[in-house]
Amino acid sequence: MSTEANSTSSAAVSSAAVSNAEFEPVTPPDRDVRALADARQLDLTKPAGSLGRLEALAGWAAACQGVCPPHAFARPRVVVFAGDHGIARNGVSAYPPEVTAQMVANFLGGGAAVNVLAEVAGATVRVVDIAVEVDTDPAVSNYKVRRSSGSIDREDALTHEETLQAIAAGRAIADEEIDGGADLLIAGDMGIGNTTPATVLIAALTDTEPVAAVGRGTGIDDAGWIRKTAAIRDALRRARPHVRDTVALLRTVSGADLAAMAGFLAQAASRRTPVILDGVVVTAAAMAADELAFGARDWWVAGHRSTEPAHTIALTRMGLTPIVEFDMRLGEGSGAVTALPILQGAVAILAKMATFSEAGVSTEGSKPAAEPEAVELTKTDTAD
């Protein structure tokens, strides 16, 4: 496993690329291949449906790859989007804002949880500084939009131009990874206070009251929860007029990192590349991405369900069922990477498990025995 920064990418997104946030129409995964995968499952040496959701995951993977049987994902790639948030100064997190930059260095050094999990799962990790408050390694900051984002309870997170720039940056990062050979993408997040704008986005898009959506984030106490709820309440008042304009909503209450993740996820779907979603922050960005590129959600599976209430609200709205539920709330892409070996196992079952005919296993008894053909008796037949 390696942690890499793409130092060869452009230092700035061109003005033409940030002129709008339009995406190509999303082509859904191949339904015909999905039908072939479902049919193959019935011919494998097991009772039909006995592997539960592994069968559905394998069918999704086959449809995304456009081939049955599918092949193992050869180059899964994690991209961690880092950014600070002005709202963190209001005591909505258990950690100070300077931790964001410190963790960027930790990712580069391979010492974060997602680095360790990715090594086990056969994935590689890249970190990008989209809006960290301080200077970071030049190798990770070539797509930096600004220093931190505005305090969304009282001001916009971004300008309109910065919002478009962030979306374009995410799109360009997705293109770099896909063009570089990535066949499965995972977005991760790093930013102290980022569950606050994520919760605002989800609550705004699902018309949910703050008290029903606010979680503990990094582990805040009751006083911190009260401050966070108040901040989300105030931000929601500013967000609700913009729920039908995704770019305006991202400008008002997200952050450069979330806007970049939205562009990344939308472009991955436009490029027919499957994604495992992580926790509440990434899923909030995914809700925005699905608005930017309608139908993008067909290219995603939910890696896990975090302990954040807003995450369950978002997954329910998008009709996504998590692969694992381990009470995780770290972010970084850690929940999605934890789910990756399960997805790979599902693919291997469909690709490598023997069929009944290949294994010489009888299917007798797997279906109800046919009724014997009725024979009409005549008087002659019954005569002594």
Protein backbone atom coordinates (compact mmCIF):
# COMPACT_ATOMS: atom_id res chain seq x y z
CA MET A 1 0.00 0.00 0.00
CA SER A 2 1.21 3.48 -0.74
CA THR A 3 0.07 6.96 0.10
CA GLU A 4 0.55 9.16 -2.90
CA ALA A 5 0.08 12.77 -3.91
CA ASN A 6 -0.36 13.59 -7.56
CA SER A 7 2.21 16.30 -8.03
CA THR A 8 1.91 16.23 -11.81
CA SER A 9 -1.69 17.45 -11.91
CA SER A 10 -2.36 21.02 -12.89
CA ALA A 11 -1.75 23.64 -10.23
CA ALA A 12 -5.07 25.28 -10.96
CA VAL A 13 -8.28 24.30 -12.67
CA SER A 14 -8.73 26.26 -15.89
CA SER A 15 -11.31 29.05 -16.05
CA ALA A 16 -13.23 27.11 -18.69
CA ALA A 17 -13.55 24.15 -16.33
CA VAL A 18 -15.13 26.29 -13.60
CA SER A 19 -17.65 28.08 -15.77
CA ASN A 20 -20.43 25.71 -14.78
CA ALA A 21 -21.22 22.60 -12.81
CA GLU A 22 -22.87 20.60 -15.58
CA PHE A 23 -22.13 16.90 -15.91
CA GLU A 24 -22.67 14.45 -18.73
CA PRO A 25 -25.83 12.34 -18.43
CA VAL A 26 -25.20 9.32 -16.22
CA THR A 27 -25.55 5.97 -17.95
CA PRO A 28 -26.75 3.36 -15.44
CA PRO A 29 -24.87 0.11 -14.81
CA ASP A 30 -25.62 -2.54 -17.46
CA ARG A 31 -29.01 -4.09 -16.67
CA ASP A 32 -28.53 -6.98 -19.07
CA VAL A 33 -25.27 -7.95 -17.39
CA ARG A 34 -27.01 -7.68 -14.02
CA ALA A 35 -29.62 -10.16 -15.24
CA LEU A 36 -26.85 -12.53 -16.37
CA ALA A 37 -25.22 -12.24 -12.94
CA ASP A 38 -28.49 -13.01 -11.18
CA ALA A 39 -29.01 -16.02 -13.42
CA ARG A 40 -25.48 -17.28 -12.77
CA GLN A 41 -26.07 -17.07 -9.03
CA LEU A 42 -28.88 -19.61 -9.45
CA ASP A 43 -26.46 -22.06 -11.10
CA LEU A 44 -23.74 -21.90 -8.45
CA THR A 45 -23.30 -24.79 -6.01
CA LYS A 46 -25.47 -23.38 -3.22
CA PRO A 47 -29.12 -22.90 -2.44
CA ALA A 48 -30.54 -19.89 -4.26
CA GLY A 49 -30.18 -16.72 -2.19
CA SER A 50 -28.15 -18.43 0.52
CA LEU A 51 -25.35 -15.84 0.39
CA GLY A 52 -27.74 -12.98 0.99
CA ARG A 53 -26.47 -9.51 0.11
CA LEU A 54 -23.20 -10.89 -1.23
CA GLU A 55 -25.21 -11.99 -4.26
CA ALA A 56 -26.67 -8.52 -4.78
CA LEU A 57 -23.27 -6.87 -4.36
CA ALA A 58 -21.76 -9.20 -6.95
CA GLY A 59 -24.55 -8.40 -9.37
CA TRP A 60 -23.99 -4.67 -8.88
CA ALA A 61 -20.24 -5.06 -9.47
CA ALA A 62 -20.83 -7.09 -12.64
CA ALA A 63 -23.27 -4.49 -13.96
CA CYS A 64 -20.78 -1.70 -13.23
CA GLN A 65 -17.98 -3.58 -15.00
CA GLY A 66 -20.27 -4.56 -17.87
CA VAL A 67 -19.18 -8.20 -17.79
CA CYS A 68 -20.30 -11.44 -16.17
CA PRO A 69 -18.63 -13.02 -14.40
CA PRO A 70 -16.97 -9.90 -12.99
CA HIS A 71 -13.29 -9.61 -12.09
CA ALA A 72 -11.69 -8.51 -8.85
CA PHE A 73 -11.16 -4.76 -8.58
CA ALA A 74 -7.49 -4.40 -9.46
CA ARG A 75 -6.79 -0.82 -8.41
CA PRO A 76 -9.13 0.49 -5.71
CA ARG A 77 -8.17 4.03 -4.82
CA VAL A 78 -8.97 6.19 -1.78
CA VAL A 79 -8.87 9.98 -2.13
CA VAL A 80 -9.08 11.90 1.16
CA PHE A 81 -10.37 15.47 0.76
CA ALA A 82 -9.02 17.76 3.50
CA GLY A 83 -10.43 21.13 4.47
CA ASP A 84 -11.02 23.35 7.48
CA HIS A 85 -14.31 24.96 8.43
CA GLY A 86 -14.90 28.30 10.08
CA ILE A 87 -17.71 26.82 12.15
CA ALA A 88 -15.11 24.75 14.05
CA ARG A 89 -14.15 27.91 15.95
CA ASN A 90 -17.59 27.78 17.60
CA GLY A 91 -16.80 24.72 19.71
CA VAL A 92 -18.70 22.17 17.61
CA SER A 93 -15.87 19.63 17.68
CA ALA A 94 -13.89 17.87 20.39
CA TYR A 95 -10.63 18.74 18.58
CA PRO A 96 -9.01 22.07 17.59
CA PRO A 97 -8.87 23.09 13.91
CA GLU A 98 -5.09 22.69 13.67
CA VAL A 99 -5.57 18.92 13.78
CA THR A 100 -6.66 18.97 10.13
CA ALA A 101 -3.20 19.95 8.85
CA GLN A 102 -1.53 17.59 11.30
CA MET A 103 -3.61 14.71 9.98
CA VAL A 104 -2.74 15.58 6.38
CA ALA A 105 0.89 15.00 7.32
CA ASN A 106 -0.13 11.78 9.05
CA PHE A 107 -1.84 10.52 5.88
CA LEU A 108 1.28 11.30 3.88
CA GLY A 109 3.34 9.37 6.41
CA GLY A 110 1.05 6.35 6.23
CA GLY A 111 0.08 6.54 9.91
CA ALA A 112 -3.68 7.13 9.79
CA ALA A 113 -6.36 4.49 10.24
CA VAL A 114 -7.34 4.61 6.57
CA ASN A 115 -3.71 3.95 5.59
CA VAL A 116 -3.61 0.81 7.70
CA LEU A 117 -7.02 -0.45 6.57
CA ALA A 118 -6.21 0.29 2.93
CA GLU A 119 -3.00 -1.73 3.14
CA VAL A 120 -4.97 -4.74 4.36
CA ALA A 121 -7.65 -4.25 1.69
CA GLY A 122 -5.23 -3.79 -1.22
CA ALA A 123 -6.07 -0.13 -1.84
CA THR A 124 -3.86 2.95 -2.18
CA VAL A 125 -4.45 6.34 -0.58
CA ARG A 126 -4.12 9.89 -1.87
CA VAL A 127 -4.75 13.04 0.17
CA VAL A 128 -5.62 16.41 -1.34
CA ASP A 129 -5.68 19.77 0.45
CA ILE A 130 -8.77 21.59 -0.77
CA ALA A 131 -9.20 24.14 2.03
CA VAL A 132 -6.81 23.52 4.93
CA GLU A 133 -6.26 26.69 6.97
CA VAL A 134 -2.45 26.54 6.81
CA ASP A 135 0.09 25.66 4.16
CA THR A 136 0.56 21.96 3.51
CA ASP A 137 3.01 19.92 1.45
CA PRO A 138 3.01 21.38 -2.11
CA ALA A 139 2.50 17.86 -3.42
CA VAL A 140 -1.04 17.78 -1.99
CA SER A 141 -2.11 21.43 -2.29
CA ASN A 142 -2.16 22.02 -6.04
CA TYR A 143 -5.98 21.99 -6.05
CA LYS A 144 -6.36 24.21 -2.99
CA VAL A 145 -9.34 26.53 -3.37
CA ARG A 146 -8.92 28.69 -0.26
CA ARG A 147 -7.85 28.66 3.37
CA SER A 148 -10.72 27.22 5.42
CA SER A 149 -14.38 27.84 4.59
CA GLY A 150 -16.71 30.44 6.04
CA SER A 151 -18.60 30.01 9.30
CA ILE A 152 -21.87 28.80 7.84
CA ASP A 153 -24.07 29.90 10.74
CA ARG A 154 -23.50 33.53 9.74
CA GLU A 155 -21.79 33.68 6.33
CA ASP A 156 -21.47 31.73 3.12
CA ALA A 157 -18.96 28.91 3.11
CA LEU A 158 -17.64 29.96 -0.32
CA THR A 159 -18.10 32.48 -3.09
CA HIS A 160 -19.90 31.35 -6.23
CA GLU A 161 -16.59 31.20 -8.11
CA GLU A 162 -14.93 29.17 -5.35
CA THR A 163 -17.84 26.72 -5.37
CA LEU A 164 -17.45 26.12 -9.09
CA GLN A 165 -13.69 25.85 -8.68
CA ALA A 166 -14.08 23.23 -5.95
CA ILE A 167 -16.55 21.17 -7.99
CA ALA A 168 -14.20 21.36 -10.98
CA ALA A 169 -11.28 20.30 -8.80
CA GLY A 170 -13.17 17.21 -7.67
CA ARG A 171 -14.07 16.41 -11.26
CA ALA A 172 -10.44 16.77 -12.35
CA ILE A 173 -9.22 14.56 -9.49
CA ALA A 174 -11.69 11.85 -10.48
CA ASP A 175 -10.48 12.06 -14.08
CA GLU A 176 -6.85 11.77 -12.95
CA GLU A 177 -7.54 8.68 -10.91
CA ILE A 178 -9.69 6.95 -13.55
CA ASP A 179 -7.26 7.80 -16.34
CA GLY A 180 -4.49 6.46 -14.10
CA GLY A 181 -6.18 3.07 -13.87
CA ALA A 182 -8.41 3.23 -10.80
CA ASP A 183 -11.36 0.87 -11.26
CA LEU A 184 -13.03 1.54 -7.89
CA LEU A 185 -13.02 4.82 -6.00
CA ILE A 186 -13.52 5.74 -2.35
CA ALA A 187 -13.80 9.33 -1.14
CA GLY A 188 -12.59 10.07 2.36
CA ASP A 189 -12.80 13.24 4.44
CA MET A 190 -10.57 15.07 6.89
CA GLY A 191 -11.63 18.32 8.45
CA ILE A 192 -12.30 19.33 12.03
CA GLY A 193 -15.93 20.44 12.27
CA ASN A 194 -16.94 18.94 8.91
CA THR A 195 -19.88 16.94 10.28
CA THR A 196 -21.61 20.27 10.95
CA PRO A 197 -21.91 21.37 7.28
CA ALA A 198 -22.56 17.74 6.31
CA THR A 199 -25.51 17.59 8.70
CA VAL A 200 -26.82 20.92 7.40
CA LEU A 201 -26.70 19.66 3.80
CA ILE A 202 -28.53 16.46 4.67
CA ALA A 203 -31.13 18.20 6.84
CA ALA A 204 -31.77 20.80 4.13
CA LEU A 205 -32.14 18.22 1.34
CA THR A 206 -34.40 15.95 3.44
CA ASP A 207 -36.35 18.68 5.29
CA THR A 208 -35.22 17.36 8.66
CA GLU A 209 -35.20 19.37 11.88
CA PRO A 210 -31.76 19.90 13.48
CA VAL A 211 -32.49 18.03 16.71
CA ALA A 212 -33.26 14.86 14.72
CA ALA A 213 -30.08 15.05 12.65
CA VAL A 214 -27.32 16.28 14.96
CA GLY A 215 -24.78 13.74 16.21
CA ARG A 216 -21.73 13.76 18.43
CA GLY A 217 -19.15 13.96 15.62
CA THR A 218 -15.69 13.46 17.10
CA GLY A 219 -17.21 12.80 20.53
CA ILE A 220 -18.46 16.16 21.83
CA ASP A 221 -20.05 16.45 25.27
CA ASP A 222 -23.56 17.73 25.98
CA ALA A 223 -22.50 21.38 25.95
CA GLY A 224 -20.77 20.86 22.61
CA TRP A 225 -23.87 19.13 21.23
CA ILE A 226 -25.99 22.14 22.22
CA ARG A 227 -23.56 24.51 20.48
CA LYS A 228 -23.50 22.30 17.40
CA THR A 229 -27.31 22.09 17.28
CA ALA A 230 -27.59 25.87 17.49
CA ALA A 231 -25.04 26.32 14.71
CA ILE A 232 -26.86 23.83 12.49
CA ARG A 233 -30.20 25.53 13.23
CA ASP A 234 -28.82 28.90 12.15
CA ALA A 235 -27.13 27.45 9.07
CA LEU A 236 -30.33 25.66 8.07
CA ARG A 237 -32.20 28.96 8.03
CA ARG A 238 -29.66 30.18 5.51
CA ALA A 239 -29.72 26.93 3.52
CA ARG A 240 -33.42 26.30 2.99
CA PRO A 241 -34.00 29.01 0.35
CA HIS A 242 -31.41 27.23 -1.84
CA VAL A 243 -32.47 23.58 -1.69
CA ARG A 244 -33.47 23.58 -5.38
CA ASP A 245 -30.17 25.10 -6.50
CA THR A 246 -27.37 22.68 -5.68
CA VAL A 247 -24.51 25.04 -6.48
CA ALA A 248 -26.05 27.80 -4.34
CA LEU A 249 -26.63 25.32 -1.52
CA LEU A 250 -23.00 24.18 -1.61
CA ARG A 251 -21.86 27.81 -1.71
CA THR A 252 -23.97 28.73 1.30
CA VAL A 253 -23.51 25.89 3.79
CA SER A 254 -20.95 23.32 2.68
CA GLY A 255 -17.23 23.96 2.26
CA ALA A 256 -14.66 23.62 -0.49
CA ASP A 257 -13.88 20.05 0.54
CA LEU A 258 -17.52 18.93 0.40
CA ALA A 259 -18.08 20.70 -2.93
CA ALA A 260 -14.97 19.01 -4.33
CA MET A 261 -16.21 15.63 -3.10
CA ALA A 262 -19.54 16.27 -4.82
CA GLY A 263 -17.73 16.95 -8.10
CA PHE A 264 -15.56 13.86 -7.60
CA LEU A 265 -18.54 11.56 -6.99
CA ALA A 266 -20.60 13.00 -9.84
CA GLN A 267 -17.71 12.63 -12.29
CA ALA A 268 -17.00 9.06 -11.18
CA ALA A 269 -20.57 8.16 -12.08
CA SER A 270 -20.35 10.03 -15.38
CA ARG A 271 -17.19 8.02 -16.12
CA ARG A 272 -18.95 4.73 -15.22
CA THR A 273 -16.66 4.05 -12.26
CA PRO A 274 -18.14 2.45 -9.12
CA VAL A 275 -17.73 4.04 -5.71
CA ILE A 276 -18.00 2.81 -2.13
CA LEU A 277 -19.39 5.65 -0.02
CA ASP A 278 -18.05 6.29 3.46
CA GLY A 279 -19.75 8.07 6.35
CA VAL A 280 -21.92 11.12 6.95
CA VAL A 281 -19.60 13.70 5.35
CA VAL A 282 -19.06 11.78 2.12
CA THR A 283 -22.73 10.81 1.96
CA ALA A 284 -23.77 14.45 2.34
CA ALA A 285 -21.54 15.28 -0.63
CA ALA A 286 -23.09 12.32 -2.46
CA MET A 287 -26.58 13.75 -2.01
CA ALA A 288 -25.39 16.95 -3.68
CA ALA A 289 -23.59 14.94 -6.40
CA ASP A 290 -26.78 13.06 -7.22
CA GLU A 291 -28.45 16.42 -7.79
CA LEU A 292 -25.61 17.58 -10.03
CA ALA A 293 -25.56 14.33 -12.03
CA PHE A 294 -28.97 12.67 -11.77
CA GLY A 295 -28.73 8.90 -11.46
CA ALA A 296 -25.20 8.97 -10.05
CA ARG A 297 -26.35 6.98 -7.01
CA ASP A 298 -26.68 3.85 -9.18
CA TRP A 299 -22.88 3.73 -9.27
CA TRP A 300 -22.50 3.79 -5.49
CA VAL A 301 -22.82 1.35 -2.63
CA ALA A 302 -22.82 2.42 1.00
CA GLY A 303 -19.78 1.02 2.75
CA HIS A 304 -21.11 1.42 6.26
CA ARG A 305 -23.59 3.20 8.50
CA SER A 306 -21.96 5.57 10.98
CA THR A 307 -23.34 6.52 14.39
CA GLU A 308 -24.33 9.97 13.09
CA PRO A 309 -28.15 10.27 12.85
CA ALA A 310 -27.87 12.32 9.66
CA HIS A 311 -26.09 9.43 7.95
CA THR A 312 -29.07 7.12 8.39
CA ILE A 313 -31.36 9.89 7.15
CA ALA A 314 -29.27 10.33 3.99
CA LEU A 315 -28.91 6.61 3.29
CA THR A 316 -32.65 6.13 3.67
CA ARG A 317 -33.41 8.99 1.29
CA MET A 318 -31.06 7.57 -1.35
CA GLY A 319 -32.24 3.98 -0.86
CA LEU A 320 -28.76 2.70 0.03
CA THR A 321 -28.23 -0.18 2.45
CA PRO A 322 -24.83 -0.23 4.22
CA ILE A 323 -22.55 -3.22 3.84
CA VAL A 324 -21.35 -3.09 7.45
CA GLU A 325 -22.57 -1.51 10.68
CA PHE A 326 -19.67 -1.37 13.15
CA ASP A 327 -20.58 1.84 15.02
CA MET A 328 -17.74 3.67 13.25
CA ARG A 329 -17.56 7.48 13.11
CA LEU A 330 -13.98 8.26 12.10
CA GLY A 331 -14.34 9.37 8.50
CA GLU A 332 -11.20 9.32 6.31
CA GLY A 333 -12.86 6.67 4.12
CA SER A 334 -12.28 4.11 6.89
CA GLY A 335 -15.78 2.60 6.83
CA ALA A 336 -15.75 2.22 3.06
CA VAL A 337 -12.32 0.59 3.09
CA THR A 338 -13.52 -1.78 5.81
CA ALA A 339 -16.31 -2.87 3.44
CA LEU A 340 -13.98 -3.29 0.45
CA PRO A 341 -12.87 -6.89 1.21
CA ILE A 342 -16.51 -7.91 1.51
CA LEU A 343 -17.25 -6.50 -1.94
CA GLN A 344 -14.17 -8.24 -3.34
CA GLY A 345 -15.36 -11.49 -1.75
CA ALA A 346 -18.77 -11.11 -3.36
CA VAL A 347 -17.13 -10.64 -6.76
CA ALA A 348 -14.90 -13.70 -6.23
CA ILE A 349 -17.90 -15.87 -5.38
CA LEU A 350 -19.66 -15.00 -8.62
CA ALA A 351 -16.49 -15.33 -10.69
CA LYS A 352 -14.84 -18.41 -9.20
CA MET A 353 -17.46 -20.57 -7.53
CA ALA A 354 -18.31 -23.73 -9.48
CA THR A 355 -21.65 -24.26 -11.13
CA PHE A 356 -23.65 -27.42 -10.50
CA SER A 357 -22.67 -28.88 -13.87
CA GLU A 358 -18.98 -28.02 -13.47
CA ALA A 359 -18.80 -29.63 -10.04
CA GLY A 360 -20.95 -32.60 -10.92
CA VAL A 361 -23.31 -31.75 -8.09
CA SER A 362 -26.84 -33.00 -8.45
CA THR A 363 -29.68 -30.52 -8.35
CA GLU A 364 -32.23 -33.25 -7.62
CA GLY A 365 -34.40 -32.30 -4.73
CA SER A 366 -33.75 -28.61 -5.16
CA LYS A 367 -37.12 -28.23 -6.79
CA PRO A 368 -40.45 -29.86 -5.93
CA ALA A 369 -40.90 -33.18 -7.71
CA ALA A 370 -43.13 -33.02 -10.75
CA GLU A 371 -46.65 -34.34 -10.27
CA PRO A 372 -47.14 -37.79 -11.95
CA GLU A 373 -49.07 -37.59 -15.18
CA ALA A 374 -52.74 -38.34 -14.61
CA VAL A 375 -54.03 -41.51 -16.28
CA GLU A 376 -57.71 -41.78 -17.07
CA LEU A 377 -59.08 -45.19 -16.18
CA THR A 378 -61.77 -46.79 -18.38
CA LYS A 379 -64.25 -49.47 -17.50
CA THR A 380 -62.12 -51.95 -19.46
CA ASP A 381 -59.03 -51.01 -17.47
CA THR A 382 -60.80 -51.65 -14.20
CA ALA A 383 -62.65 -54.79 -15.20
CA ASP A 384 -61.65 -58.10 -13.57
